[in-house]
Amino acid sequence: GKYGTRYGASLRKMVKKMEITQHSKYTCTFCGKEAMKRSVVGVWSC
């Protein structure tokens, strides 16, 4: 991975889980398409 042997296994697993959720696409509440994407912290765009 991108962290190698640094930072410990449990922290790397936690960060991986967070990055998967924040980079995945979500269903838009307005149009229903699976096009919601996180642009910056707290801002989602369809």
C-alpha atoms as a PDB file:
ATOM      1  CA  GLY A   1       0.000   0.000   0.000  1.00  0.00           C
ATOM      2  CA  LYS A   2       0.945   3.623   0.035  1.00  0.00           C
ATOM      3  CA  TYR A   3       1.989   3.601   3.711  1.00  0.00           C
ATOM      4  CA  GLY A   4       4.291   0.555   3.634  1.00  0.00           C
ATOM      5  CA  THR A   5       5.211  -0.642   7.127  1.00  0.00           C
ATOM      6  CA  ARG A   6       4.528   2.694   8.814  1.00  0.00           C
ATOM      7  CA  TYR A   7       1.766   3.714  11.265  1.00  0.00           C
ATOM      8  CA  GLY A   8       0.599   0.244  12.388  1.00  0.00           C
ATOM      9  CA  ALA A   9      -1.852  -2.241  10.897  1.00  0.00           C
ATOM     10  CA  SER A  10      -5.000  -1.140  12.732  1.00  0.00           C
ATOM     11  CA  LEU A  11      -4.579   2.516  11.746  1.00  0.00           C
ATOM     12  CA  ARG A  12      -3.919   1.584   8.118  1.00  0.00           C
ATOM     13  CA  LYS A  13      -7.081  -0.548   8.052  1.00  0.00           C
ATOM     14  CA  MET A  14      -9.111   2.297   9.550  1.00  0.00           C
ATOM     15  CA  VAL A  15      -7.770   4.805   7.007  1.00  0.00           C
ATOM     16  CA  LYS A  16      -8.446   2.377   4.150  1.00  0.00           C
ATOM     17  CA  LYS A  17     -12.072   1.995   5.253  1.00  0.00           C
ATOM     18  CA  MET A  18     -12.492   5.783   5.447  1.00  0.00           C
ATOM     19  CA  GLU A  19     -10.926   6.350   2.028  1.00  0.00           C
ATOM     20  CA  ILE A  20     -13.151   3.713   0.407  1.00  0.00           C
ATOM     21  CA  THR A  21     -16.291   5.386   1.774  1.00  0.00           C
ATOM     22  CA  GLN A  22     -15.242   8.915   0.839  1.00  0.00           C
ATOM     23  CA  HIS A  23     -14.142   8.064  -2.712  1.00  0.00           C
ATOM     24  CA  SER A  24     -17.086   5.842  -3.623  1.00  0.00           C
ATOM     25  CA  LYS A  25     -20.145   7.084  -5.496  1.00  0.00           C
ATOM     26  CA  TYR A  26     -23.473   7.534  -3.735  1.00  0.00           C
ATOM     27  CA  THR A  27     -27.088   7.764  -4.875  1.00  0.00           C
ATOM     28  CA  CYS A  28     -28.282  11.340  -5.383  1.00  0.00           C
ATOM     29  CA  THR A  29     -31.250  12.260  -3.204  1.00  0.00           C
ATOM     30  CA  PHE A  30     -32.671  14.658  -5.816  1.00  0.00           C
ATOM     31  CA  CYS A  31     -32.404  12.840  -9.160  1.00  0.00           C
ATOM     32  CA  GLY A  32     -31.882   9.247  -7.982  1.00  0.00           C
ATOM     33  CA  LYS A  33     -28.776   8.637 -10.099  1.00  0.00           C
ATOM     34  CA  GLU A  34     -25.679   7.055  -8.614  1.00  0.00           C
ATOM     35  CA  ALA A  35     -23.635  10.156  -9.359  1.00  0.00           C
ATOM     36  CA  MET A  36     -22.988  11.802  -5.995  1.00  0.00           C
ATOM     37  CA  LYS A  37     -19.281  12.350  -5.509  1.00  0.00           C
ATOM     38  CA  ARG A  38     -17.396  14.063  -2.678  1.00  0.00           C
ATOM     39  CA  SER A  39     -15.557  17.128  -3.978  1.00  0.00           C
ATOM     40  CA  VAL A  40     -14.215  18.480  -0.655  1.00  0.00           C
ATOM     41  CA  VAL A  41     -14.955  17.897   3.038  1.00  0.00           C
ATOM     42  CA  GLY A  42     -18.725  18.103   3.546  1.00  0.00           C
ATOM     43  CA  VAL A  43     -19.466  19.102  -0.076  1.00  0.00           C
ATOM     44  CA  TRP A  44     -21.063  16.558  -2.400  1.00  0.00           C
ATOM     45  CA  SER A  45     -21.822  17.166  -6.076  1.00  0.00           C
ATOM     46  CA  CYS A  46     -24.107  15.308  -8.451  1.00  0.00           C
END
